[in-house]
N, C-alpha and C. Protein backbone atom coordinates (compact mmCIF):
# COMPACT_ATOMS: atom_id res chain seq x y z
N UNK A 1 102.39 79.96 75.48
CA UNK A 1 103.29 81.03 75.89
C UNK A 1 104.43 80.39 76.69
N UNK A 2 105.68 80.63 76.26
CA UNK A 2 106.81 80.03 76.98
C UNK A 2 107.20 80.89 78.18
N UNK A 3 108.13 80.35 78.97
CA UNK A 3 108.50 81.02 80.23
C UNK A 3 109.08 82.41 80.00
N UNK A 4 109.84 82.57 78.92
CA UNK A 4 110.43 83.88 78.61
C UNK A 4 109.34 84.92 78.33
N UNK A 5 108.32 84.50 77.58
CA UNK A 5 107.21 85.42 77.28
C UNK A 5 106.43 85.76 78.54
N UNK A 6 106.24 84.78 79.41
CA UNK A 6 105.53 85.03 80.67
C UNK A 6 106.31 86.04 81.50
N UNK A 7 107.63 85.88 81.56
CA UNK A 7 108.46 86.84 82.30
C UNK A 7 108.35 88.24 81.71
N UNK A 8 108.33 88.34 80.39
CA UNK A 8 108.22 89.64 79.74
C UNK A 8 106.86 90.28 80.03
N UNK A 9 105.81 89.48 79.98
CA UNK A 9 104.47 90.00 80.27
C UNK A 9 104.40 90.45 81.73
N UNK A 10 104.96 89.65 82.63
CA UNK A 10 104.97 90.00 84.05
C UNK A 10 105.73 91.30 84.27
N UNK A 11 106.90 91.43 83.65
CA UNK A 11 107.71 92.63 83.80
C UNK A 11 106.97 93.85 83.26
N UNK A 12 106.31 93.68 82.11
CA UNK A 12 105.56 94.80 81.52
C UNK A 12 104.40 95.20 82.42
N UNK A 13 103.71 94.22 82.98
CA UNK A 13 102.58 94.52 83.88
C UNK A 13 103.07 95.23 85.14
N UNK A 14 104.21 94.78 85.67
CA UNK A 14 104.78 95.41 86.86
C UNK A 14 105.15 96.86 86.57
N UNK A 15 105.81 97.09 85.44
CA UNK A 15 106.19 98.45 85.07
C UNK A 15 104.97 99.33 84.84
N UNK A 16 103.92 98.76 84.23
CA UNK A 16 102.70 99.53 84.00
C UNK A 16 102.05 99.91 85.33
N UNK A 17 102.02 98.96 86.28
CA UNK A 17 101.44 99.25 87.59
C UNK A 17 102.22 100.33 88.30
N UNK A 18 103.54 100.28 88.20
CA UNK A 18 104.38 101.28 88.83
C UNK A 18 104.13 102.65 88.20
N UNK A 19 104.04 102.70 86.88
CA UNK A 19 103.78 103.97 86.20
C UNK A 19 102.40 104.53 86.58
N UNK A 20 101.39 103.66 86.67
CA UNK A 20 100.07 104.11 87.11
C UNK A 20 100.13 104.63 88.54
N UNK A 21 100.87 103.92 89.37
CA UNK A 21 101.02 104.33 90.76
C UNK A 21 101.70 105.68 90.89
N UNK A 22 102.65 105.93 90.01
CA UNK A 22 103.36 107.21 90.03
C UNK A 22 102.43 108.34 89.63
N UNK A 23 101.55 108.09 88.67
CA UNK A 23 100.62 109.11 88.18
C UNK A 23 99.51 109.41 89.18
N UNK A 24 99.11 108.39 89.93
CA UNK A 24 97.95 108.53 90.82
C UNK A 24 98.37 109.07 92.17
N UNK A 25 97.38 109.59 92.87
CA UNK A 25 97.61 110.05 94.24
C UNK A 25 97.07 108.99 95.19
N UNK A 26 97.96 108.43 95.99
CA UNK A 26 97.59 107.36 96.91
C UNK A 26 98.26 107.62 98.25
N UNK A 27 97.48 107.44 99.31
CA UNK A 27 98.03 107.54 100.66
C UNK A 27 97.58 106.29 101.42
N UNK A 28 98.56 105.54 101.92
CA UNK A 28 98.26 104.33 102.67
C UNK A 28 98.84 104.50 104.07
N UNK A 29 97.99 104.38 105.08
CA UNK A 29 98.43 104.53 106.47
C UNK A 29 98.13 103.22 107.19
N UNK A 30 99.14 102.70 107.85
CA UNK A 30 98.98 101.51 108.68
C UNK A 30 99.70 101.79 109.98
N UNK A 31 98.94 101.77 111.06
CA UNK A 31 99.52 102.13 112.35
C UNK A 31 99.14 101.09 113.39
N UNK A 32 100.13 100.63 114.14
CA UNK A 32 99.89 99.73 115.26
C UNK A 32 100.70 100.25 116.43
N UNK A 33 100.03 100.44 117.52
CA UNK A 33 100.73 100.93 118.71
C UNK A 33 101.20 99.75 119.55
N UNK A 34 102.29 99.94 120.24
CA UNK A 34 102.85 98.89 121.09
C UNK A 34 101.81 98.39 122.08
N UNK A 35 101.71 97.08 122.21
CA UNK A 35 100.78 96.48 123.14
C UNK A 35 99.40 96.23 122.58
N UNK A 36 99.08 96.83 121.44
CA UNK A 36 97.77 96.62 120.84
C UNK A 36 97.84 95.48 119.83
N UNK A 37 96.74 94.79 119.65
CA UNK A 37 96.72 93.67 118.71
C UNK A 37 96.08 94.03 117.38
N UNK A 38 95.54 95.23 117.28
CA UNK A 38 94.89 95.64 116.04
C UNK A 38 95.66 96.78 115.38
N UNK A 39 95.42 96.91 114.08
CA UNK A 39 96.04 97.97 113.29
C UNK A 39 94.99 98.98 112.90
N UNK A 40 95.39 100.24 112.86
CA UNK A 40 94.54 101.29 112.28
C UNK A 40 94.99 101.42 110.84
N UNK A 41 94.08 101.28 109.91
CA UNK A 41 94.46 101.34 108.51
C UNK A 41 93.54 102.28 107.75
N UNK A 42 94.14 102.96 106.80
CA UNK A 42 93.39 103.94 106.03
C UNK A 42 94.05 104.06 104.66
N UNK A 43 93.24 103.99 103.61
CA UNK A 43 93.75 104.17 102.25
C UNK A 43 92.96 105.28 101.60
N UNK A 44 93.66 106.27 101.10
CA UNK A 44 93.06 107.35 100.32
C UNK A 44 93.65 107.27 98.92
N UNK A 45 92.81 107.28 97.90
CA UNK A 45 93.30 107.21 96.53
C UNK A 45 92.33 107.95 95.61
N UNK A 46 92.85 108.34 94.45
CA UNK A 46 92.01 109.04 93.50
C UNK A 46 90.93 108.14 92.92
N UNK A 47 91.18 106.82 92.88
CA UNK A 47 90.18 105.84 92.47
C UNK A 47 90.62 104.45 92.92
N UNK A 48 89.77 103.46 92.69
CA UNK A 48 90.07 102.09 93.14
C UNK A 48 91.33 101.55 92.45
N UNK A 49 91.50 101.84 91.18
CA UNK A 49 92.68 101.36 90.46
C UNK A 49 93.95 101.92 91.09
N UNK A 50 93.92 103.18 91.46
CA UNK A 50 95.09 103.79 92.09
C UNK A 50 95.39 103.11 93.42
N UNK A 51 94.36 102.79 94.19
CA UNK A 51 94.57 102.11 95.47
C UNK A 51 95.18 100.74 95.26
N UNK A 52 94.65 99.98 94.30
CA UNK A 52 95.20 98.65 94.02
C UNK A 52 96.62 98.73 93.49
N UNK A 53 96.90 99.72 92.66
CA UNK A 53 98.27 99.89 92.17
C UNK A 53 99.22 100.23 93.31
N UNK A 54 98.75 101.04 94.26
CA UNK A 54 99.57 101.34 95.43
C UNK A 54 99.90 100.09 96.22
N UNK A 55 98.90 99.23 96.41
CA UNK A 55 99.12 97.97 97.11
C UNK A 55 100.07 97.07 96.32
N UNK A 56 99.91 97.04 94.99
CA UNK A 56 100.79 96.23 94.15
C UNK A 56 102.24 96.68 94.28
N UNK A 57 102.45 97.98 94.31
CA UNK A 57 103.81 98.51 94.45
C UNK A 57 104.39 98.11 95.81
N UNK A 58 103.58 98.17 96.85
CA UNK A 58 104.05 97.73 98.18
C UNK A 58 104.47 96.26 98.16
N UNK A 59 103.68 95.42 97.49
CA UNK A 59 104.00 93.99 97.42
C UNK A 59 105.29 93.76 96.64
N UNK A 60 105.45 94.46 95.51
CA UNK A 60 106.67 94.32 94.71
C UNK A 60 107.89 94.78 95.51
N UNK A 61 107.77 95.89 96.19
CA UNK A 61 108.90 96.39 97.00
C UNK A 61 109.20 95.45 98.16
N UNK A 62 108.17 94.91 98.79
CA UNK A 62 108.38 93.96 99.87
C UNK A 62 109.11 92.71 99.36
N UNK A 63 108.72 92.23 98.19
CA UNK A 63 109.38 91.07 97.60
C UNK A 63 110.87 91.34 97.39
N UNK A 64 111.19 92.53 96.94
CA UNK A 64 112.61 92.90 96.75
C UNK A 64 113.34 92.91 98.09
N UNK A 65 112.71 93.45 99.10
CA UNK A 65 113.36 93.56 100.42
C UNK A 65 113.67 92.18 101.00
N UNK A 66 112.71 91.25 100.89
CA UNK A 66 112.91 89.93 101.49
C UNK A 66 113.56 88.94 100.53
N UNK A 67 113.80 89.37 99.29
CA UNK A 67 114.50 88.53 98.33
C UNK A 67 113.68 87.36 97.80
N UNK A 68 112.38 87.56 97.67
CA UNK A 68 111.50 86.53 97.13
C UNK A 68 110.87 87.01 95.83
N UNK A 69 110.42 86.05 95.03
CA UNK A 69 109.65 86.40 93.84
C UNK A 69 108.29 86.93 94.29
N UNK A 70 107.73 87.83 93.51
CA UNK A 70 106.43 88.41 93.85
C UNK A 70 105.38 87.32 93.99
N UNK A 71 105.43 86.31 93.11
CA UNK A 71 104.44 85.23 93.19
C UNK A 71 104.54 84.47 94.50
N UNK A 72 105.73 84.32 95.04
CA UNK A 72 105.90 83.64 96.33
C UNK A 72 105.31 84.49 97.46
N UNK A 73 105.54 85.80 97.39
CA UNK A 73 104.96 86.70 98.40
C UNK A 73 103.44 86.64 98.34
N UNK A 74 102.89 86.66 97.13
CA UNK A 74 101.44 86.58 96.99
C UNK A 74 100.91 85.24 97.49
N UNK A 75 101.64 84.17 97.24
CA UNK A 75 101.23 82.85 97.74
C UNK A 75 101.20 82.84 99.26
N UNK A 76 102.22 83.41 99.88
CA UNK A 76 102.26 83.47 101.34
C UNK A 76 101.12 84.33 101.88
N UNK A 77 100.83 85.43 101.21
CA UNK A 77 99.71 86.27 101.63
C UNK A 77 98.39 85.52 101.52
N UNK A 78 98.22 84.79 100.42
CA UNK A 78 96.98 84.04 100.22
C UNK A 78 96.80 82.99 101.32
N UNK A 79 97.87 82.29 101.65
CA UNK A 79 97.78 81.28 102.70
C UNK A 79 97.48 81.93 104.04
N UNK A 80 98.17 83.02 104.34
CA UNK A 80 97.95 83.67 105.64
C UNK A 80 96.56 84.26 105.75
N UNK A 81 96.00 84.69 104.62
CA UNK A 81 94.65 85.25 104.66
C UNK A 81 93.57 84.19 104.74
N UNK A 82 93.82 83.02 104.16
CA UNK A 82 92.79 81.98 104.14
C UNK A 82 92.94 80.98 105.28
N UNK A 83 94.11 80.84 105.85
CA UNK A 83 94.32 79.82 106.89
C UNK A 83 93.38 80.01 108.08
N UNK A 84 93.21 81.21 108.62
CA UNK A 84 92.27 81.36 109.74
C UNK A 84 90.84 80.96 109.35
N UNK A 85 90.45 81.25 108.13
CA UNK A 85 89.12 80.89 107.65
C UNK A 85 88.99 79.38 107.58
N UNK A 86 90.02 78.71 107.08
CA UNK A 86 89.98 77.25 107.00
C UNK A 86 89.87 76.63 108.38
N UNK A 87 90.63 77.14 109.33
CA UNK A 87 90.55 76.62 110.69
C UNK A 87 89.17 76.85 111.28
N UNK A 88 88.61 78.02 111.06
CA UNK A 88 87.30 78.36 111.60
C UNK A 88 86.23 77.45 110.98
N UNK A 89 86.34 77.18 109.65
CA UNK A 89 85.39 76.29 108.99
C UNK A 89 85.45 74.89 109.58
N UNK A 90 86.64 74.38 109.87
CA UNK A 90 86.79 73.05 110.45
C UNK A 90 86.19 73.01 111.86
N UNK A 91 86.35 74.09 112.61
CA UNK A 91 85.77 74.15 113.95
C UNK A 91 84.24 74.12 113.87
N UNK A 92 83.66 74.79 112.87
CA UNK A 92 82.21 74.79 112.69
C UNK A 92 81.72 73.39 112.32
N UNK A 93 82.49 72.68 111.47
CA UNK A 93 82.12 71.33 111.08
C UNK A 93 82.10 70.41 112.30
N UNK A 94 83.12 70.53 113.17
CA UNK A 94 83.19 69.70 114.36
C UNK A 94 82.03 70.00 115.31
N UNK A 95 81.64 71.26 115.37
CA UNK A 95 80.55 71.68 116.26
C UNK A 95 79.17 71.35 115.68
N UNK A 96 79.15 70.87 114.43
CA UNK A 96 77.88 70.52 113.81
C UNK A 96 77.14 71.69 113.23
N UNK A 97 77.84 72.78 112.98
CA UNK A 97 77.17 73.98 112.42
C UNK A 97 77.18 73.95 110.92
């Protein structure tokens, strides 16, 4: 599959996710109050697919806002989600656990 075909498949998948998201009922709430270090989060959706499509749409829109490719945003998310785990694993190794 050449790069043009990959782009077409990616675009089609993005459009399909957006269309599914439009059809589904999804409510995503993320709230953080000033001075607090934690977020209150709540997702309501008609099913798991609808919830994931809602998250996918948020990621696509965020990528547009910051001017990055979606794959770069996902890469950054993956690193930010795994980095604390990697640090914690190294600390356990040093402690002999």
